[in-house]
Amino acid sequence: MSIPPLPEGEPAPTLADPHELLEGYLDYYRRALLRKAAALPEEELRAGHLPSGWTPLELVRHLQYVEQRWLNWGFAAEQVPDPWGDRGMDDAADRWQVPAGMSTRQVLDAYAAQCDRSRRVTSAAKLDQRASVGGRFPTEEEAPTLAWILFHLLQEYARHVGQLDVVVELAGGGTGE
């Protein structure tokens, strides 16, 4: 099965199927994240413009791990080697990190690969299906539905893509939509 390319814009306004709508908007925000990051030169991708210090490249890596935590480790209960790998070695800093020596291309490729894995996890599942037990969720009572997880991911993407708008503007890359 081949994964279709990311859509250029929002899902069609005539789309009524909730599953397709949720996945369509998630792809829309994935594409927006990459488009906004592509507006920045390499040095700006690695520069922190806000008091918290995060960089656009760290944000991309963070969202890769967010998807892995919620969909692979969470919903599918896959055993992942380091679900909190976006935090780096210094958990006390509570900051996203890109490992020293990791190239921008490696970060973007890892993000794209995770998005493909996420699509495979969600495409065959039903929205009312609860997450499998044994990964992120130890009991059935704690396991959310796929619909809840997708809504959670959408709010996380919307918030972070909005934050990236501010960073791109501060870096001289234009204003958001």
C-alpha atoms as a PDB file:
ATOM      1  CA  MET A   1       0.000   0.000   0.000  1.00  0.00           C
ATOM      2  CA  SER A   2       1.392   3.377  -0.895  1.00  0.00           C
ATOM      3  CA  ILE A   3       0.863   6.420   1.320  1.00  0.00           C
ATOM      4  CA  PRO A   4      -0.609   9.333  -0.639  1.00  0.00           C
ATOM      5  CA  PRO A   5       1.340  12.598  -0.673  1.00  0.00           C
ATOM      6  CA  LEU A   6       0.430  15.345   1.766  1.00  0.00           C
ATOM      7  CA  PRO A   7      -2.379  17.582   0.535  1.00  0.00           C
ATOM      8  CA  GLU A   8      -1.559  21.142  -0.510  1.00  0.00           C
ATOM      9  CA  GLY A   9      -4.306  22.785   1.491  1.00  0.00           C
ATOM     10  CA  GLU A  10      -7.051  22.102   3.940  1.00  0.00           C
ATOM     11  CA  PRO A  11      -9.366  19.144   3.369  1.00  0.00           C
ATOM     12  CA  ALA A  12     -12.251  19.845   1.012  1.00  0.00           C
ATOM     13  CA  PRO A  13     -15.078  21.787   2.663  1.00  0.00           C
ATOM     14  CA  THR A  14     -17.506  19.121   1.446  1.00  0.00           C
ATOM     15  CA  LEU A  15     -15.710  16.379   3.396  1.00  0.00           C
ATOM     16  CA  ALA A  16     -18.018  14.963   6.069  1.00  0.00           C
ATOM     17  CA  ASP A  17     -16.342  11.725   7.154  1.00  0.00           C
ATOM     18  CA  PRO A  18     -14.834  12.477  10.611  1.00  0.00           C
ATOM     19  CA  HIS A  19     -11.917  10.064  10.165  1.00  0.00           C
ATOM     20  CA  GLU A  20     -10.918  11.548   6.813  1.00  0.00           C
ATOM     21  CA  LEU A  21     -11.399  15.055   8.185  1.00  0.00           C
ATOM     22  CA  LEU A  22      -9.170  14.461  11.222  1.00  0.00           C
ATOM     23  CA  GLU A  23      -6.446  12.811   9.179  1.00  0.00           C
ATOM     24  CA  GLY A  24      -6.758  15.473   6.472  1.00  0.00           C
ATOM     25  CA  TYR A  25      -6.284  18.300   8.945  1.00  0.00           C
ATOM     26  CA  LEU A  26      -3.385  16.516  10.606  1.00  0.00           C
ATOM     27  CA  ASP A  27      -1.691  16.272   7.195  1.00  0.00           C
ATOM     28  CA  TYR A  28      -2.517  19.930   6.564  1.00  0.00           C
ATOM     29  CA  TYR A  29      -0.690  20.959   9.737  1.00  0.00           C
ATOM     30  CA  ARG A  30       2.233  18.637   9.002  1.00  0.00           C
ATOM     31  CA  ARG A  31       2.625  20.335   5.649  1.00  0.00           C
ATOM     32  CA  ALA A  32       2.266  23.810   7.190  1.00  0.00           C
ATOM     33  CA  LEU A  33       5.027  22.989   9.687  1.00  0.00           C
ATOM     34  CA  LEU A  34       7.399  21.963   6.898  1.00  0.00           C
ATOM     35  CA  ARG A  35       6.458  24.929   4.704  1.00  0.00           C
ATOM     36  CA  LYS A  36       7.122  27.407   7.518  1.00  0.00           C
ATOM     37  CA  ALA A  37      10.410  25.721   8.447  1.00  0.00           C
ATOM     38  CA  ALA A  38      11.474  25.803   4.783  1.00  0.00           C
ATOM     39  CA  ALA A  39      11.060  29.596   4.828  1.00  0.00           C
ATOM     40  CA  LEU A  40      14.072  29.819   7.138  1.00  0.00           C
ATOM     41  CA  PRO A  41      17.764  29.503   6.252  1.00  0.00           C
ATOM     42  CA  GLU A  42      19.820  26.858   8.080  1.00  0.00           C
ATOM     43  CA  GLU A  43      21.177  29.243  10.710  1.00  0.00           C
ATOM     44  CA  GLU A  44      17.653  30.389  11.623  1.00  0.00           C
ATOM     45  CA  LEU A  45      16.432  26.788  11.881  1.00  0.00           C
ATOM     46  CA  ARG A  46      18.993  26.333  14.660  1.00  0.00           C
ATOM     47  CA  ALA A  47      18.499  29.721  16.353  1.00  0.00           C
ATOM     48  CA  GLY A  48      16.281  30.378  19.347  1.00  0.00           C
ATOM     49  CA  HIS A  49      14.243  33.579  19.080  1.00  0.00           C
ATOM     50  CA  LEU A  50      12.058  33.240  22.170  1.00  0.00           C
ATOM     51  CA  PRO A  51      12.965  33.358  25.875  1.00  0.00           C
ATOM     52  CA  SER A  52      12.338  29.608  26.165  1.00  0.00           C
ATOM     53  CA  GLY A  53      15.142  29.110  23.637  1.00  0.00           C
ATOM     54  CA  TRP A  54      13.635  26.419  21.411  1.00  0.00           C
ATOM     55  CA  THR A  55      14.605  26.407  17.752  1.00  0.00           C
ATOM     56  CA  PRO A  56      12.448  25.598  14.714  1.00  0.00           C
ATOM     57  CA  LEU A  57      14.459  22.437  14.088  1.00  0.00           C
ATOM     58  CA  GLU A  58      13.881  21.338  17.694  1.00  0.00           C
ATOM     59  CA  LEU A  59      10.167  21.924  17.176  1.00  0.00           C
ATOM     60  CA  VAL A  60      10.129  19.626  14.132  1.00  0.00           C
ATOM     61  CA  ARG A  61      11.922  16.930  16.139  1.00  0.00           C
ATOM     62  CA  HIS A  62       9.530  17.456  19.060  1.00  0.00           C
ATOM     63  CA  LEU A  63       6.495  16.887  16.826  1.00  0.00           C
ATOM     64  CA  GLN A  64       8.106  13.731  15.436  1.00  0.00           C
ATOM     65  CA  TYR A  65       8.279  12.390  18.979  1.00  0.00           C
ATOM     66  CA  VAL A  66       4.793  13.647  19.864  1.00  0.00           C
ATOM     67  CA  GLU A  67       3.408  11.533  17.025  1.00  0.00           C
ATOM     68  CA  GLN A  68       5.487   8.550  18.088  1.00  0.00           C
ATOM     69  CA  ARG A  69       4.371   8.868  21.741  1.00  0.00           C
ATOM     70  CA  TRP A  70       0.665   9.148  20.911  1.00  0.00           C
ATOM     71  CA  LEU A  71       0.310   6.856  17.894  1.00  0.00           C
ATOM     72  CA  ASN A  72       3.055   4.219  17.912  1.00  0.00           C
ATOM     73  CA  TRP A  73       3.795   3.867  21.630  1.00  0.00           C
ATOM     74  CA  GLY A  74       0.360   5.070  22.695  1.00  0.00           C
ATOM     75  CA  PHE A  75      -2.351   3.886  20.326  1.00  0.00           C
ATOM     76  CA  ALA A  76      -0.563   0.856  18.818  1.00  0.00           C
ATOM     77  CA  ALA A  77       1.331  -0.029  22.054  1.00  0.00           C
ATOM     78  CA  GLU A  78       4.538  -0.557  20.093  1.00  0.00           C
ATOM     79  CA  GLN A  79       7.681  -0.766  22.154  1.00  0.00           C
ATOM     80  CA  VAL A  80       9.778   2.239  21.139  1.00  0.00           C
ATOM     81  CA  PRO A  81      13.379   2.608  22.306  1.00  0.00           C
ATOM     82  CA  ASP A  82      13.161   6.181  23.603  1.00  0.00           C
ATOM     83  CA  PRO A  83       9.688   7.769  23.504  1.00  0.00           C
ATOM     84  CA  TRP A  84      11.041  10.944  25.123  1.00  0.00           C
ATOM     85  CA  GLY A  85      14.066  11.241  22.800  1.00  0.00           C
ATOM     86  CA  ASP A  86      13.200  14.828  21.892  1.00  0.00           C
ATOM     87  CA  ARG A  87      14.184  15.860  25.432  1.00  0.00           C
ATOM     88  CA  GLY A  88      17.863  15.043  24.928  1.00  0.00           C
ATOM     89  CA  MET A  89      20.192  14.069  27.740  1.00  0.00           C
ATOM     90  CA  ASP A  90      19.265  16.874  30.135  1.00  0.00           C
ATOM     91  CA  ASP A  91      15.694  16.115  31.225  1.00  0.00           C
ATOM     92  CA  ALA A  92      15.987  18.735  33.960  1.00  0.00           C
ATOM     93  CA  ALA A  93      16.078  21.441  31.288  1.00  0.00           C
ATOM     94  CA  ASP A  94      12.665  20.246  30.041  1.00  0.00           C
ATOM     95  CA  ARG A  95      13.605  21.421  26.562  1.00  0.00           C
ATOM     96  CA  TRP A  96      13.409  19.911  23.160  1.00  0.00           C
ATOM     97  CA  GLN A  97      16.776  19.058  21.676  1.00  0.00           C
ATOM     98  CA  VAL A  98      18.383  17.958  18.441  1.00  0.00           C
ATOM     99  CA  PRO A  99      21.443  15.776  19.099  1.00  0.00           C
ATOM    100  CA  ALA A 100      24.802  17.344  18.303  1.00  0.00           C
ATOM    101  CA  GLY A 101      25.876  16.396  14.809  1.00  0.00           C
ATOM    102  CA  MET A 102      22.358  15.622  13.572  1.00  0.00           C
ATOM    103  CA  SER A 103      21.828  17.398  10.261  1.00  0.00           C
ATOM    104  CA  THR A 104      18.737  19.288   9.238  1.00  0.00           C
ATOM    105  CA  ARG A 105      18.147  16.670   6.533  1.00  0.00           C
ATOM    106  CA  GLN A 106      18.292  13.877   9.142  1.00  0.00           C
ATOM    107  CA  VAL A 107      15.743  15.684  11.340  1.00  0.00           C
ATOM    108  CA  LEU A 108      13.397  16.288   8.396  1.00  0.00           C
ATOM    109  CA  ASP A 109      13.764  12.710   7.105  1.00  0.00           C
ATOM    110  CA  ALA A 110      13.055  11.266  10.568  1.00  0.00           C
ATOM    111  CA  TYR A 111       9.990  13.504  10.854  1.00  0.00           C
ATOM    112  CA  ALA A 112       8.701  12.432   7.409  1.00  0.00           C
ATOM    113  CA  ALA A 113       9.272   8.756   8.259  1.00  0.00           C
ATOM    114  CA  GLN A 114       7.333   9.164  11.507  1.00  0.00           C
ATOM    115  CA  CYS A 115       4.446  10.852   9.692  1.00  0.00           C
ATOM    116  CA  ASP A 116       4.318   7.869   7.306  1.00  0.00           C
ATOM    117  CA  ARG A 117       4.278   5.440  10.271  1.00  0.00           C
ATOM    118  CA  SER A 118       1.544   7.507  11.925  1.00  0.00           C
ATOM    119  CA  ARG A 119      -0.620   7.366   8.797  1.00  0.00           C
ATOM    120  CA  ARG A 120      -0.259   3.587   8.663  1.00  0.00           C
ATOM    121  CA  VAL A 121      -1.347   3.291  12.307  1.00  0.00           C
ATOM    122  CA  THR A 122      -4.425   5.493  11.924  1.00  0.00           C
ATOM    123  CA  SER A 123      -5.635   4.558   8.440  1.00  0.00           C
ATOM    124  CA  ALA A 124      -7.017   1.121   9.296  1.00  0.00           C
ATOM    125  CA  ALA A 125      -8.292   1.914  12.800  1.00  0.00           C
ATOM    126  CA  LYS A 126     -11.755   3.105  13.794  1.00  0.00           C
ATOM    127  CA  LEU A 127     -12.207   6.409  15.624  1.00  0.00           C
ATOM    128  CA  ASP A 128     -13.960   4.735  18.554  1.00  0.00           C
ATOM    129  CA  GLN A 129     -11.186   2.152  18.945  1.00  0.00           C
ATOM    130  CA  ARG A 130      -9.280   2.524  22.196  1.00  0.00           C
ATOM    131  CA  ALA A 131      -5.510   2.481  22.393  1.00  0.00           C
ATOM    132  CA  SER A 132      -3.895  -0.886  22.943  1.00  0.00           C
ATOM    133  CA  VAL A 133      -2.635  -1.622  26.427  1.00  0.00           C
ATOM    134  CA  GLY A 134       1.033  -2.265  27.073  1.00  0.00           C
ATOM    135  CA  GLY A 135       2.722   0.733  25.527  1.00  0.00           C
ATOM    136  CA  ARG A 136       2.069   4.188  26.890  1.00  0.00           C
ATOM    137  CA  PHE A 137      -1.152   3.096  28.566  1.00  0.00           C
ATOM    138  CA  PRO A 138      -0.910   0.364  31.196  1.00  0.00           C
ATOM    139  CA  THR A 139      -4.674  -0.212  31.621  1.00  0.00           C
ATOM    140  CA  GLU A 140      -7.789  -0.110  29.452  1.00  0.00           C
ATOM    141  CA  GLU A 141      -9.272   2.593  31.685  1.00  0.00           C
ATOM    142  CA  GLU A 142      -6.397   4.932  30.776  1.00  0.00           C
ATOM    143  CA  ALA A 143      -6.469   4.145  27.049  1.00  0.00           C
ATOM    144  CA  PRO A 144      -8.071   6.946  24.993  1.00  0.00           C
ATOM    145  CA  THR A 145      -9.890   6.480  21.711  1.00  0.00           C
ATOM    146  CA  LEU A 146      -8.247   7.186  18.382  1.00  0.00           C
ATOM    147  CA  ALA A 147     -10.626  10.143  17.946  1.00  0.00           C
ATOM    148  CA  TRP A 148      -9.381  11.681  21.217  1.00  0.00           C
ATOM    149  CA  ILE A 149      -5.737  11.121  20.239  1.00  0.00           C
ATOM    150  CA  LEU A 150      -6.218  12.693  16.801  1.00  0.00           C
ATOM    151  CA  PHE A 151      -7.980  15.715  18.328  1.00  0.00           C
ATOM    152  CA  HIS A 152      -5.139  16.017  20.824  1.00  0.00           C
ATOM    153  CA  LEU A 153      -2.563  15.901  18.018  1.00  0.00           C
ATOM    154  CA  LEU A 154      -4.482  18.540  16.061  1.00  0.00           C
ATOM    155  CA  GLN A 155      -4.502  20.971  18.989  1.00  0.00           C
ATOM    156  CA  GLU A 156      -0.790  20.350  19.558  1.00  0.00           C
ATOM    157  CA  TYR A 157       0.022  20.995  15.899  1.00  0.00           C
ATOM    158  CA  ALA A 158      -2.199  24.089  15.717  1.00  0.00           C
ATOM    159  CA  ARG A 159      -0.508  25.567  18.791  1.00  0.00           C
ATOM    160  CA  HIS A 160       3.028  24.778  17.643  1.00  0.00           C
ATOM    161  CA  VAL A 161       2.518  25.887  14.037  1.00  0.00           C
ATOM    162  CA  GLY A 162       1.171  29.181  15.421  1.00  0.00           C
ATOM    163  CA  GLN A 163       4.268  29.512  17.594  1.00  0.00           C
ATOM    164  CA  LEU A 164       6.412  28.822  14.536  1.00  0.00           C
ATOM    165  CA  ASP A 165       4.596  31.668  12.732  1.00  0.00           C
ATOM    166  CA  VAL A 166       5.905  34.051  15.401  1.00  0.00           C
ATOM    167  CA  VAL A 167       9.449  32.695  15.166  1.00  0.00           C
ATOM    168  CA  VAL A 168       9.467  32.926  11.361  1.00  0.00           C
ATOM    169  CA  GLU A 169       8.273  36.527  11.590  1.00  0.00           C
ATOM    170  CA  LEU A 170      10.946  37.394  14.193  1.00  0.00           C
ATOM    171  CA  ALA A 171      13.563  35.844  11.906  1.00  0.00           C
ATOM    172  CA  GLY A 172      12.420  38.088   9.052  1.00  0.00           C
ATOM    173  CA  GLY A 173      10.679  35.339   7.110  1.00  0.00           C
ATOM    174  CA  GLY A 174       7.253  36.941   6.701  1.00  0.00           C
ATOM    175  CA  THR A 175       3.994  36.654   8.568  1.00  0.00           C
ATOM    176  CA  GLY A 176       1.689  33.699   9.103  1.00  0.00           C
ATOM    177  CA  GLU A 177      -1.552  32.935   7.341  1.00  0.00           C
END
